[in-house]
Amino acid sequence: MKENHQNEDSFFAKVYAVARLIPYGRVTSYGAIAEYLGTKGSARMVGWAMNSSHTQKLQVPAHRVVNRTGMLSGKHHFGGSNLMQELLESEGIKIEDDQIQNFDAVFWNPMKELY
């Protein structure tokens, strides 16, 4: 059991490292991070990592990670407020009904950007 926890910690650390590279004013998806890490089917685990990111000493911009269609699916992890939307809007990202507008224009794909 302990070994799985260490593997999870290592995976989470890799997720956080990628998330910290997302530029200001851009967003990526759980799946894009998972694919970049070579674990294409683990988008949900990326979501779990984002949910735990507040425990990190070095800040993780979890608000910049959304679902594959640009929905703010993780917004309930920001204290039940509109904080996720407010943080994104403060970076110039337009949102209507929890949906990022012009998603393709602000989408940051680590597979393309980091190679």
PDB file of N, CA and C in Angstrom:
ATOM      1  N   MET A   1       0.824  -1.200   0.000  1.00  0.00           N
ATOM      2  CA  MET A   1       0.000   0.000   0.000  1.00  0.00           C
ATOM      3  C   MET A   1       0.867   1.263   0.000  1.00  0.00           C
ATOM      4  N   LYS A   2       1.902   1.267   0.801  1.00  0.00           N
ATOM      5  CA  LYS A   2       2.757   2.442   0.886  1.00  0.00           C
ATOM      6  C   LYS A   2       3.386   2.771  -0.468  1.00  0.00           C
ATOM      7  N   GLU A   3       3.751   1.733  -1.223  1.00  0.00           N
ATOM      8  CA  GLU A   3       4.366   1.962  -2.530  1.00  0.00           C
ATOM      9  C   GLU A   3       3.410   2.710  -3.467  1.00  0.00           C
ATOM     10  N   ASN A   4       2.133   2.355  -3.449  1.00  0.00           N
ATOM     11  CA  ASN A   4       1.156   3.063  -4.281  1.00  0.00           C
ATOM     12  C   ASN A   4       1.078   4.529  -3.902  1.00  0.00           C
ATOM     13  N   HIS A   5       1.116   4.805  -2.610  1.00  0.00           N
ATOM     14  CA  HIS A   5       1.051   6.194  -2.153  1.00  0.00           C
ATOM     15  C   HIS A   5       2.270   6.970  -2.665  1.00  0.00           C
ATOM     16  N   GLN A   6       3.445   6.336  -2.629  1.00  0.00           N
ATOM     17  CA  GLN A   6       4.641   7.007  -3.133  1.00  0.00           C
ATOM     18  C   GLN A   6       4.524   7.246  -4.633  1.00  0.00           C
ATOM     19  N   ASN A   7       3.982   6.271  -5.371  1.00  0.00           N
ATOM     20  CA  ASN A   7       3.790   6.454  -6.809  1.00  0.00           C
ATOM     21  C   ASN A   7       2.821   7.595  -7.076  1.00  0.00           C
ATOM     22  N   GLU A   8       1.767   7.663  -6.260  1.00  0.00           N
ATOM     23  CA  GLU A   8       0.793   8.742  -6.410  1.00  0.00           C
ATOM     24  C   GLU A   8       1.462  10.082  -6.137  1.00  0.00           C
ATOM     25  N   ASP A   9       2.268  10.145  -5.082  1.00  0.00           N
ATOM     26  CA  ASP A   9       2.967  11.388  -4.759  1.00  0.00           C
ATOM     27  C   ASP A   9       3.873  11.808  -5.918  1.00  0.00           C
ATOM     28  N   SER A  10       4.572  10.842  -6.501  1.00  0.00           N
ATOM     29  CA  SER A  10       5.458  11.130  -7.620  1.00  0.00           C
ATOM     30  C   SER A  10       4.656  11.632  -8.826  1.00  0.00           C
ATOM     31  N   PHE A  11       3.525  10.986  -9.101  1.00  0.00           N
ATOM     32  CA  PHE A  11       2.671  11.417 -10.208  1.00  0.00           C
ATOM     33  C   PHE A  11       2.148  12.824  -9.939  1.00  0.00           C
ATOM     34  N   PHE A  12       1.658  13.060  -8.729  1.00  0.00           N
ATOM     35  CA  PHE A  12       1.154  14.389  -8.380  1.00  0.00           C
ATOM     36  C   PHE A  12       2.250  15.436  -8.553  1.00  0.00           C
ATOM     37  N   ALA A  13       3.468  15.110  -8.128  1.00  0.00           N
ATOM     38  CA  ALA A  13       4.582  16.058  -8.265  1.00  0.00           C
ATOM     39  C   ALA A  13       4.825  16.395  -9.738  1.00  0.00           C
ATOM     40  N   LYS A  14       4.725  15.410 -10.606  1.00  0.00           N
ATOM     41  CA  LYS A  14       4.901  15.646 -12.041  1.00  0.00           C
ATOM     42  C   LYS A  14       3.768  16.525 -12.578  1.00  0.00           C
ATOM     43  N   VAL A  15       2.554  16.262 -12.128  1.00  0.00           N
ATOM     44  CA  VAL A  15       1.401  17.079 -12.538  1.00  0.00           C
ATOM     45  C   VAL A  15       1.623  18.530 -12.111  1.00  0.00           C
ATOM     46  N   TYR A  16       2.048  18.723 -10.872  1.00  0.00           N
ATOM     47  CA  TYR A  16       2.265  20.080 -10.361  1.00  0.00           C
ATOM     48  C   TYR A  16       3.358  20.791 -11.153  1.00  0.00           C
ATOM     49  N   ALA A  17       4.402  20.059 -11.518  1.00  0.00           N
ATOM     50  CA  ALA A  17       5.499  20.661 -12.285  1.00  0.00           C
ATOM     51  C   ALA A  17       4.998  21.161 -13.637  1.00  0.00           C
ATOM     52  N   VAL A  18       4.142  20.382 -14.300  1.00  0.00           N
ATOM     53  CA  VAL A  18       3.583  20.807 -15.588  1.00  0.00           C
ATOM     54  C   VAL A  18       2.635  21.981 -15.378  1.00  0.00           C
ATOM     55  N   ALA A  19       1.776  21.893 -14.387  1.00  0.00           N
ATOM     56  CA  ALA A  19       0.795  22.959 -14.140  1.00  0.00           C
ATOM     57  C   ALA A  19       1.493  24.295 -13.864  1.00  0.00           C
ATOM     58  N   ARG A  20       2.630  24.247 -13.201  1.00  0.00           N
ATOM     59  CA  ARG A  20       3.355  25.492 -12.910  1.00  0.00           C
ATOM     60  C   ARG A  20       3.915  26.144 -14.172  1.00  0.00           C
ATOM     61  N   LEU A  21       3.961  25.409 -15.265  1.00  0.00           N
ATOM     62  CA  LEU A  21       4.470  25.955 -16.534  1.00  0.00           C
ATOM     63  C   LEU A  21       3.392  26.604 -17.395  1.00  0.00           C
ATOM     64  N   ILE A  22       2.131  26.444 -17.006  1.00  0.00           N
ATOM     65  CA  ILE A  22       1.036  27.034 -17.790  1.00  0.00           C
ATOM     66  C   ILE A  22       1.175  28.552 -17.715  1.00  0.00           C
ATOM     67  N   PRO A  23       1.306  29.201 -18.857  1.00  0.00           N
ATOM     68  CA  PRO A  23       1.494  30.658 -18.835  1.00  0.00           C
ATOM     69  C   PRO A  23       0.264  31.416 -18.328  1.00  0.00           C
ATOM     70  N   TYR A  24       0.527  32.557 -17.761  1.00  0.00           N
ATOM     71  CA  TYR A  24      -0.515  33.507 -17.346  1.00  0.00           C
ATOM     72  C   TYR A  24      -1.426  33.760 -18.546  1.00  0.00           C
ATOM     73  N   GLY A  25      -2.741  33.728 -18.324  1.00  0.00           N
ATOM     74  CA  GLY A  25      -3.692  34.009 -19.396  1.00  0.00           C
ATOM     75  C   GLY A  25      -3.966  32.831 -20.316  1.00  0.00           C
ATOM     76  N   ARG A  26      -3.479  31.661 -19.959  1.00  0.00           N
ATOM     77  CA  ARG A  26      -3.694  30.449 -20.759  1.00  0.00           C
ATOM     78  C   ARG A  26      -4.267  29.362 -19.856  1.00  0.00           C
ATOM     79  N   VAL A  27      -4.867  28.342 -20.436  1.00  0.00           N
ATOM     80  CA  VAL A  27      -5.401  27.201 -19.701  1.00  0.00           C
ATOM     81  C   VAL A  27      -5.029  25.918 -20.414  1.00  0.00           C
ATOM     82  N   THR A  28      -5.083  24.830 -19.685  1.00  0.00           N
ATOM     83  CA  THR A  28      -4.911  23.513 -20.286  1.00  0.00           C
ATOM     84  C   THR A  28      -5.960  22.599 -19.672  1.00  0.00           C
ATOM     85  N   SER A  29      -5.956  21.347 -20.098  1.00  0.00           N
ATOM     86  CA  SER A  29      -6.947  20.396 -19.597  1.00  0.00           C
ATOM     87  C   SER A  29      -6.273  19.294 -18.790  1.00  0.00           C
ATOM     88  N   TYR A  30      -7.080  18.631 -17.986  1.00  0.00           N
ATOM     89  CA  TYR A  30      -6.597  17.489 -17.209  1.00  0.00           C
ATOM     90  C   TYR A  30      -5.994  16.454 -18.154  1.00  0.00           C
ATOM     91  N   GLY A  31      -6.705  16.183 -19.239  1.00  0.00           N
ATOM     92  CA  GLY A  31      -6.258  15.185 -20.209  1.00  0.00           C
ATOM     93  C   GLY A  31      -4.973  15.568 -20.917  1.00  0.00           C
ATOM     94  N   ALA A  32      -4.794  16.852 -21.199  1.00  0.00           N
ATOM     95  CA  ALA A  32      -3.572  17.302 -21.879  1.00  0.00           C
ATOM     96  C   ALA A  32      -2.356  17.096 -20.980  1.00  0.00           C
ATOM     97  N   ILE A  33      -2.516  17.348 -19.688  1.00  0.00           N
ATOM     98  CA  ILE A  33      -1.421  17.102 -18.751  1.00  0.00           C
ATOM     99  C   ILE A  33      -1.143  15.601 -18.663  1.00  0.00           C
ATOM    100  N   ALA A  34      -2.205  14.798 -18.564  1.00  0.00           N
ATOM    101  CA  ALA A  34      -2.037  13.343 -18.484  1.00  0.00           C
ATOM    102  C   ALA A  34      -1.320  12.822 -19.728  1.00  0.00           C
ATOM    103  N   GLU A  35      -1.726  13.285 -20.894  1.00  0.00           N
ATOM    104  CA  GLU A  35      -1.087  12.834 -22.133  1.00  0.00           C
ATOM    105  C   GLU A  35       0.384  13.233 -22.161  1.00  0.00           C
ATOM    106  N   TYR A  36       0.681  14.442 -21.760  1.00  0.00           N
ATOM    107  CA  TYR A  36       2.065  14.905 -21.731  1.00  0.00           C
ATOM    108  C   TYR A  36       2.925  14.019 -20.823  1.00  0.00           C
ATOM    109  N   LEU A  37       2.339  13.567 -19.718  1.00  0.00           N
ATOM    110  CA  LEU A  37       3.072  12.728 -18.770  1.00  0.00           C
ATOM    111  C   LEU A  37       3.128  11.262 -19.203  1.00  0.00           C
ATOM    112  N   GLY A  38       2.545  10.952 -20.364  1.00  0.00           N
ATOM    113  CA  GLY A  38       2.584   9.590 -20.879  1.00  0.00           C
ATOM    114  C   GLY A  38       1.560   8.672 -20.253  1.00  0.00           C
ATOM    115  N   THR A  39       0.547   9.267 -19.626  1.00  0.00           N
ATOM    116  CA  THR A  39      -0.514   8.495 -18.973  1.00  0.00           C
ATOM    117  C   THR A  39      -1.864   8.993 -19.468  1.00  0.00           C
ATOM    118  N   LYS A  40      -2.066   8.855 -20.767  1.00  0.00           N
ATOM    119  CA  LYS A  40      -3.215   9.467 -21.438  1.00  0.00           C
ATOM    120  C   LYS A  40      -4.565   9.200 -20.766  1.00  0.00           C
ATOM    121  N   GLY A  41      -4.753   8.031 -20.196  1.00  0.00           N
ATOM    122  CA  GLY A  41      -6.034   7.698 -19.582  1.00  0.00           C
ATOM    123  C   GLY A  41      -6.201   8.159 -18.145  1.00  0.00           C
ATOM    124  N   SER A  42      -5.289   8.975 -17.648  1.00  0.00           N
ATOM    125  CA  SER A  42      -5.334   9.332 -16.228  1.00  0.00           C
ATOM    126  C   SER A  42      -5.759  10.772 -15.962  1.00  0.00           C
ATOM    127  N   ALA A  43      -6.623  11.309 -16.806  1.00  0.00           N
ATOM    128  CA  ALA A  43      -7.097  12.685 -16.606  1.00  0.00           C
ATOM    129  C   ALA A  43      -7.735  12.858 -15.235  1.00  0.00           C
ATOM    130  N   ARG A  44      -8.460  11.837 -14.781  1.00  0.00           N
ATOM    131  CA  ARG A  44      -9.114  11.940 -13.475  1.00  0.00           C
ATOM    132  C   ARG A  44      -8.074  12.068 -12.353  1.00  0.00           C
ATOM    133  N   MET A  45      -6.967  11.341 -12.478  1.00  0.00           N
ATOM    134  CA  MET A  45      -5.911  11.467 -11.455  1.00  0.00           C
ATOM    135  C   MET A  45      -5.284  12.860 -11.475  1.00  0.00           C
ATOM    136  N   VAL A  46      -5.200  13.462 -12.652  1.00  0.00           N
ATOM    137  CA  VAL A  46      -4.714  14.843 -12.735  1.00  0.00           C
ATOM    138  C   VAL A  46      -5.677  15.742 -11.968  1.00  0.00           C
ATOM    139  N   GLY A  47      -6.968  15.482 -12.109  1.00  0.00           N
ATOM    140  CA  GLY A  47      -7.971  16.236 -11.360  1.00  0.00           C
ATOM    141  C   GLY A  47      -7.802  16.072  -9.864  1.00  0.00           C
ATOM    142  N   TRP A  48      -7.517  14.859  -9.426  1.00  0.00           N
ATOM    143  CA  TRP A  48      -7.279  14.626  -7.992  1.00  0.00           C
ATOM    144  C   TRP A  48      -6.057  15.408  -7.532  1.00  0.00           C
ATOM    145  N   ALA A  49      -5.032  15.428  -8.372  1.00  0.00           N
ATOM    146  CA  ALA A  49      -3.828  16.189  -8.032  1.00  0.00           C
ATOM    147  C   ALA A  49      -4.164  17.675  -7.891  1.00  0.00           C
ATOM    148  N   MET A  50      -4.952  18.198  -8.825  1.00  0.00           N
ATOM    149  CA  MET A  50      -5.326  19.613  -8.753  1.00  0.00           C
ATOM    150  C   MET A  50      -6.122  19.887  -7.478  1.00  0.00           C
ATOM    151  N   ASN A  51      -6.975  18.940  -7.102  1.00  0.00           N
ATOM    152  CA  ASN A  51      -7.782  19.096  -5.896  1.00  0.00           C
ATOM    153  C   ASN A  51      -6.908  19.158  -4.652  1.00  0.00           C
ATOM    154  N   SER A  52      -5.749  18.503  -4.679  1.00  0.00           N
ATOM    155  CA  SER A  52      -4.838  18.492  -3.535  1.00  0.00           C
ATOM    156  C   SER A  52      -3.736  19.540  -3.637  1.00  0.00           C
ATOM    157  N   SER A  53      -3.727  20.311  -4.698  1.00  0.00           N
ATOM    158  CA  SER A  53      -2.610  21.220  -4.963  1.00  0.00           C
ATOM    159  C   SER A  53      -2.446  22.309  -3.910  1.00  0.00           C
ATOM    160  N   HIS A  54      -3.517  22.635  -3.201  1.00  0.00           N
ATOM    161  CA  HIS A  54      -3.418  23.687  -2.179  1.00  0.00           C
ATOM    162  C   HIS A  54      -2.486  23.301  -1.034  1.00  0.00           C
ATOM    163  N   THR A  55      -2.108  22.024  -0.947  1.00  0.00           N
ATOM    164  CA  THR A  55      -1.218  21.566   0.117  1.00  0.00           C
ATOM    165  C   THR A  55       0.256  21.803  -0.217  1.00  0.00           C
ATOM    166  N   GLN A  56       0.541  22.260  -1.415  1.00  0.00           N
ATOM    167  CA  GLN A  56       1.928  22.438  -1.865  1.00  0.00           C
ATOM    168  C   GLN A  56       2.505  23.759  -1.357  1.00  0.00           C
ATOM    169  N   LYS A  57       3.789  23.718  -0.977  1.00  0.00           N
ATOM    170  CA  LYS A  57       4.463  24.939  -0.530  1.00  0.00           C
ATOM    171  C   LYS A  57       4.635  25.912  -1.693  1.00  0.00           C
ATOM    172  N   LEU A  58       5.025  25.387  -2.844  1.00  0.00           N
ATOM    173  CA  LEU A  58       5.168  26.196  -4.047  1.00  0.00           C
ATOM    174  C   LEU A  58       3.825  26.221  -4.754  1.00  0.00           C
ATOM    175  N   GLN A  59       3.293  27.397  -5.006  1.00  0.00           N
ATOM    176  CA  GLN A  59       1.949  27.552  -5.556  1.00  0.00           C
ATOM    177  C   GLN A  59       1.767  26.800  -6.877  1.00  0.00           C
ATOM    178  N   VAL A  60       0.601  26.190  -7.024  1.00  0.00           N
ATOM    179  CA  VAL A  60       0.208  25.506  -8.256  1.00  0.00           C
ATOM    180  C   VAL A  60      -1.003  26.257  -8.817  1.00  0.00           C
ATOM    181  N   PRO A  61      -0.932  26.765 -10.058  1.00  0.00           N
ATOM    182  CA  PRO A  61      -2.065  27.503 -10.621  1.00  0.00           C
ATOM    183  C   PRO A  61      -3.173  26.557 -11.096  1.00  0.00           C
ATOM    184  N   ALA A  62      -3.794  25.875 -10.142  1.00  0.00           N
ATOM    185  CA  ALA A  62      -4.822  24.886 -10.450  1.00  0.00           C
ATOM    186  C   ALA A  62      -6.014  25.490 -11.199  1.00  0.00           C
ATOM    187  N   HIS A  63      -6.239  26.786 -11.043  1.00  0.00           N
ATOM    188  CA  HIS A  63      -7.360  27.435 -11.733  1.00  0.00           C
ATOM    189  C   HIS A  63      -7.178  27.409 -13.247  1.00  0.00           C
ATOM    190  N   ARG A  64      -5.963  27.172 -13.718  1.00  0.00           N
ATOM    191  CA  ARG A  64      -5.689  27.149 -15.154  1.00  0.00           C
ATOM    192  C   ARG A  64      -5.888  25.768 -15.777  1.00  0.00           C
ATOM    193  N   VAL A  65      -6.369  24.815 -14.988  1.00  0.00           N
ATOM    194  CA  VAL A  65      -6.609  23.465 -15.503  1.00  0.00           C
ATOM    195  C   VAL A  65      -8.107  23.207 -15.492  1.00  0.00           C
ATOM    196  N   VAL A  66      -8.651  22.937 -16.668  1.00  0.00           N
ATOM    197  CA  VAL A  66     -10.097  22.772 -16.853  1.00  0.00           C
ATOM    198  C   VAL A  66     -10.369  21.462 -17.597  1.00  0.00           C
ATOM    199  N   ASN A  67     -11.628  21.170 -17.853  1.00  0.00           N
ATOM    200  CA  ASN A  67     -11.900  19.935 -18.584  1.00  0.00           C
ATOM    201  C   ASN A  67     -11.665  20.134 -20.079  1.00  0.00           C
ATOM    202  N   ARG A  68     -11.778  19.066 -20.849  1.00  0.00           N
ATOM    203  CA  ARG A  68     -11.384  19.079 -22.266  1.00  0.00           C
ATOM    204  C   ARG A  68     -12.227  19.991 -23.149  1.00  0.00           C
ATOM    205  N   THR A  69     -13.393  20.420 -22.642  1.00  0.00           N
ATOM    206  CA  THR A  69     -14.227  21.318 -23.428  1.00  0.00           C
ATOM    207  C   THR A  69     -14.146  22.769 -22.953  1.00  0.00           C
ATOM    208  N   GLY A  70     -13.331  23.010 -21.920  1.00  0.00           N
ATOM    209  CA  GLY A  70     -13.195  24.369 -21.405  1.00  0.00           C
ATOM    210  C   GLY A  70     -14.163  24.716 -20.293  1.00  0.00           C
ATOM    211  N   MET A  71     -14.830  23.707 -19.749  1.00  0.00           N
ATOM    212  CA  MET A  71     -15.736  23.948 -18.622  1.00  0.00           C
ATOM    213  C   MET A  71     -14.933  24.018 -17.326  1.00  0.00           C
ATOM    214  N   LEU A  72     -15.390  24.854 -16.413  1.00  0.00           N
ATOM    215  CA  LEU A  72     -14.747  24.982 -15.103  1.00  0.00           C
ATOM    216  C   LEU A  72     -15.263  23.861 -14.193  1.00  0.00           C
ATOM    217  N   SER A  73     -14.971  22.637 -14.563  1.00  0.00           N
ATOM    218  CA  SER A  73     -15.504  21.477 -13.846  1.00  0.00           C
ATOM    219  C   SER A  73     -14.931  21.335 -12.442  1.00  0.00           C
ATOM    220  N   GLY A  74     -13.796  21.945 -12.157  1.00  0.00           N
ATOM    221  CA  GLY A  74     -13.198  21.857 -10.832  1.00  0.00           C
ATOM    222  C   GLY A  74     -13.520  23.031  -9.938  1.00  0.00           C
ATOM    223  N   LYS A  75     -14.432  23.882 -10.342  1.00  0.00           N
ATOM    224  CA  LYS A  75     -14.669  25.128  -9.599  1.00  0.00           C
ATOM    225  C   LYS A  75     -15.149  24.897  -8.171  1.00  0.00           C
ATOM    226  N   HIS A  76     -15.824  23.781  -7.920  1.00  0.00           N
ATOM    227  CA  HIS A  76     -16.321  23.518  -6.567  1.00  0.00           C
ATOM    228  C   HIS A  76     -15.189  23.237  -5.585  1.00  0.00           C
ATOM    229  N   HIS A  77     -13.980  23.013  -6.079  1.00  0.00           N
ATOM    230  CA  HIS A  77     -12.826  22.802  -5.201  1.00  0.00           C
ATOM    231  C   HIS A  77     -12.183  24.116  -4.766  1.00  0.00           C
ATOM    232  N   PHE A  78     -12.768  25.223  -5.159  1.00  0.00           N
ATOM    233  CA  PHE A  78     -12.242  26.543  -4.792  1.00  0.00           C
ATOM    234  C   PHE A  78     -13.118  27.186  -3.718  1.00  0.00           C
ATOM    235  N   GLY A  79     -13.500  26.394  -2.732  1.00  0.00           N
ATOM    236  CA  GLY A  79     -14.224  26.913  -1.576  1.00  0.00           C
ATOM    237  C   GLY A  79     -15.668  27.282  -1.832  1.00  0.00           C
ATOM    238  N   GLY A  80     -16.296  26.700  -2.858  1.00  0.00           N
ATOM    239  CA  GLY A  80     -17.698  26.963  -3.116  1.00  0.00           C
ATOM    240  C   GLY A  80     -17.984  28.372  -3.590  1.00  0.00           C
ATOM    241  N   SER A  81     -16.953  29.061  -4.033  1.00  0.00           N
ATOM    242  CA  SER A  81     -17.128  30.432  -4.503  1.00  0.00           C
ATOM    243  C   SER A  81     -16.877  30.483  -6.007  1.00  0.00           C
ATOM    244  N   ASN A  82     -16.818  31.667  -6.531  1.00  0.00           N
ATOM    245  CA  ASN A  82     -16.473  31.858  -7.941  1.00  0.00           C
ATOM    246  C   ASN A  82     -14.993  32.155  -8.107  1.00  0.00           C
ATOM    247  N   LEU A  83     -14.180  31.736  -7.144  1.00  0.00           N
ATOM    248  CA  LEU A  83     -12.760  32.077  -7.147  1.00  0.00           C
ATOM    249  C   LEU A  83     -12.053  31.606  -8.417  1.00  0.00           C
ATOM    250  N   MET A  84     -12.335  30.396  -8.860  1.00  0.00           N
ATOM    251  CA  MET A  84     -11.677  29.894 -10.071  1.00  0.00           C
ATOM    252  C   MET A  84     -11.971  30.817 -11.250  1.00  0.00           C
ATOM    253  N   GLN A  85     -13.238  31.168 -11.423  1.00  0.00           N
ATOM    254  CA  GLN A  85     -13.624  32.068 -12.505  1.00  0.00           C
ATOM    255  C   GLN A  85     -12.984  33.442 -12.326  1.00  0.00           C
ATOM    256  N   GLU A  86     -12.989  33.955 -11.113  1.00  0.00           N
ATOM    257  CA  GLU A  86     -12.405  35.275 -10.853  1.00  0.00           C
ATOM    258  C   GLU A  86     -10.909  35.298 -11.172  1.00  0.00           C
ATOM    259  N   LEU A  87     -10.203  34.225 -10.790  1.00  0.00           N
ATOM    260  CA  LEU A  87      -8.764  34.156 -11.072  1.00  0.00           C
ATOM    261  C   LEU A  87      -8.517  34.127 -12.582  1.00  0.00           C
ATOM    262  N   LEU A  88      -9.293  33.337 -13.303  1.00  0.00           N
ATOM    263  CA  LEU A  88      -9.132  33.268 -14.756  1.00  0.00           C
ATOM    264  C   LEU A  88      -9.477  34.602 -15.413  1.00  0.00           C
ATOM    265  N   GLU A  89     -10.559  35.212 -14.964  1.00  0.00           N
ATOM    266  CA  GLU A  89     -10.953  36.505 -15.544  1.00  0.00           C
ATOM    267  C   GLU A  89      -9.908  37.580 -15.249  1.00  0.00           C
ATOM    268  N   SER A  90      -9.252  37.484 -14.094  1.00  0.00           N
ATOM    269  CA  SER A  90      -8.210  38.469 -13.774  1.00  0.00           C
ATOM    270  C   SER A  90      -7.014  38.322 -14.714  1.00  0.00           C
ATOM    271  N   GLU A  91      -6.917  37.168 -15.391  1.00  0.00           N
ATOM    272  CA  GLU A  91      -5.854  36.935 -16.363  1.00  0.00           C
ATOM    273  C   GLU A  91      -6.330  37.205 -17.796  1.00  0.00           C
ATOM    274  N   GLY A  92      -7.543  37.744 -17.925  1.00  0.00           N
ATOM    275  CA  GLY A  92      -8.050  38.122 -19.234  1.00  0.00           C
ATOM    276  C   GLY A  92      -8.853  37.050 -19.953  1.00  0.00           C
ATOM    277  N   ILE A  93      -9.149  35.952 -19.279  1.00  0.00           N
ATOM    278  CA  ILE A  93      -9.921  34.871 -19.897  1.00  0.00           C
ATOM    279  C   ILE A  93     -11.402  35.149 -19.691  1.00  0.00           C
ATOM    280  N   LYS A  94     -12.151  35.088 -20.776  1.00  0.00           N
ATOM    281  CA  LYS A  94     -13.592  35.355 -20.724  1.00  0.00           C
ATOM    282  C   LYS A  94     -14.352  34.055 -20.463  1.00  0.00           C
ATOM    283  N   ILE A  95     -15.318  34.135 -19.528  1.00  0.00           N
ATOM    284  CA  ILE A  95     -16.083  32.957 -19.132  1.00  0.00           C
ATOM    285  C   ILE A  95     -17.560  33.316 -19.089  1.00  0.00           C
ATOM    286  N   GLU A  96     -18.381  32.442 -19.648  1.00  0.00           N
ATOM    287  CA  GLU A  96     -19.834  32.582 -19.572  1.00  0.00           C
ATOM    288  C   GLU A  96     -20.414  31.232 -19.193  1.00  0.00           C
ATOM    289  N   ASP A  97     -21.259  31.217 -18.166  1.00  0.00           N
ATOM    290  CA  ASP A  97     -21.902  29.977 -17.708  1.00  0.00           C
ATOM    291  C   ASP A  97     -20.892  28.861 -17.465  1.00  0.00           C
ATOM    292  N   ASP A  98     -19.823  29.186 -16.767  1.00  0.00           N
ATOM    293  CA  ASP A  98     -18.753  28.238 -16.420  1.00  0.00           C
ATOM    294  C   ASP A  98     -18.007  27.688 -17.633  1.00  0.00           C
ATOM    295  N   GLN A  99     -18.143  28.330 -18.768  1.00  0.00           N
ATOM    296  CA  GLN A  99     -17.499  27.879 -20.011  1.00  0.00           C
ATOM    297  C   GLN A  99     -16.514  28.951 -20.484  1.00  0.00           C
ATOM    298  N   ILE A 100     -15.256  28.539 -20.718  1.00  0.00           N
ATOM    299  CA  ILE A 100     -14.263  29.464 -21.251  1.00  0.00           C
ATOM    300  C   ILE A 100     -14.622  29.801 -22.689  1.00  0.00           C
ATOM    301  N   GLN A 101     -14.656  31.073 -22.982  1.00  0.00           N
ATOM    302  CA  GLN A 101     -14.935  31.542 -24.335  1.00  0.00           C
ATOM    303  C   GLN A 101     -13.633  31.549 -25.136  1.00  0.00           C
ATOM    304  N   ASN A 102     -13.723  31.314 -26.425  1.00  0.00           N
ATOM    305  CA  ASN A 102     -12.532  31.246 -27.289  1.00  0.00           C
ATOM    306  C   ASN A 102     -11.511  30.267 -26.717  1.00  0.00           C
ATOM    307  N   PHE A 103     -12.002  29.116 -26.288  1.00  0.00           N
ATOM    308  CA  PHE A 103     -11.167  28.118 -25.621  1.00  0.00           C
ATOM    309  C   PHE A 103      -9.936  27.748 -26.442  1.00  0.00           C
ATOM    310  N   ASP A 104     -10.109  27.537 -27.742  1.00  0.00           N
ATOM    311  CA  ASP A 104      -8.965  27.158 -28.593  1.00  0.00           C
ATOM    312  C   ASP A 104      -7.868  28.213 -28.584  1.00  0.00           C
ATOM    313  N   ALA A 105      -8.263  29.480 -28.478  1.00  0.00           N
ATOM    314  CA  ALA A 105      -7.287  30.576 -28.521  1.00  0.00           C
ATOM    315  C   ALA A 105      -6.449  30.658 -27.243  1.00  0.00           C
ATOM    316  N   VAL A 106      -7.001  30.234 -26.114  1.00  0.00           N
ATOM    317  CA  VAL A 106      -6.273  30.333 -24.845  1.00  0.00           C
ATOM    318  C   VAL A 106      -5.742  28.978 -24.370  1.00  0.00           C
ATOM    319  N   PHE A 107      -6.040  27.927 -25.131  1.00  0.00           N
ATOM    320  CA  PHE A 107      -5.611  26.585 -24.730  1.00  0.00           C
ATOM    321  C   PHE A 107      -4.110  26.428 -24.905  1.00  0.00           C
ATOM    322  N   TRP A 108      -3.460  25.922 -23.872  1.00  0.00           N
ATOM    323  CA  TRP A 108      -2.018  25.665 -23.862  1.00  0.00           C
ATOM    324  C   TRP A 108      -1.827  24.161 -23.851  1.00  0.00           C
ATOM    325  N   ASN A 109      -1.234  23.629 -24.903  1.00  0.00           N
ATOM    326  CA  ASN A 109      -1.030  22.193 -25.012  1.00  0.00           C
ATOM    327  C   ASN A 109       0.420  21.859 -24.686  1.00  0.00           C
ATOM    328  N   PRO A 110       0.675  21.227 -23.539  1.00  0.00           N
ATOM    329  CA  PRO A 110       2.062  20.934 -23.174  1.00  0.00           C
ATOM    330  C   PRO A 110       2.769  20.031 -24.192  1.00  0.00           C
ATOM    331  N   MET A 111       2.027  19.195 -24.911  1.00  0.00           N
ATOM    332  CA  MET A 111       2.647  18.327 -25.916  1.00  0.00           C
ATOM    333  C   MET A 111       3.291  19.157 -27.040  1.00  0.00           C
ATOM    334  N   LYS A 112       2.699  20.300 -27.330  1.00  0.00           N
ATOM    335  CA  LYS A 112       3.231  21.174 -28.376  1.00  0.00           C
ATOM    336  C   LYS A 112       4.170  22.236 -27.812  1.00  0.00           C
ATOM    337  N   GLU A 113       3.817  22.777 -26.660  1.00  0.00           N
ATOM    338  CA  GLU A 113       4.547  23.904 -26.100  1.00  0.00           C
ATOM    339  C   GLU A 113       5.861  23.502 -25.409  1.00  0.00           C
ATOM    340  N   LEU A 114       5.940  22.274 -24.914  1.00  0.00           N
ATOM    341  CA  LEU A 114       7.107  21.875 -24.130  1.00  0.00           C
ATOM    342  C   LEU A 114       8.072  20.976 -24.891  1.00  0.00           C
ATOM    343  N   TYR A 115       7.843  20.802 -26.189  1.00  0.00           N
ATOM    344  CA  TYR A 115       8.792  19.991 -26.971  1.00  0.00           C
ATOM    345  C   TYR A 115       9.484  20.814 -27.993  1.00  0.00           C
TER     346      TYR A 115
END
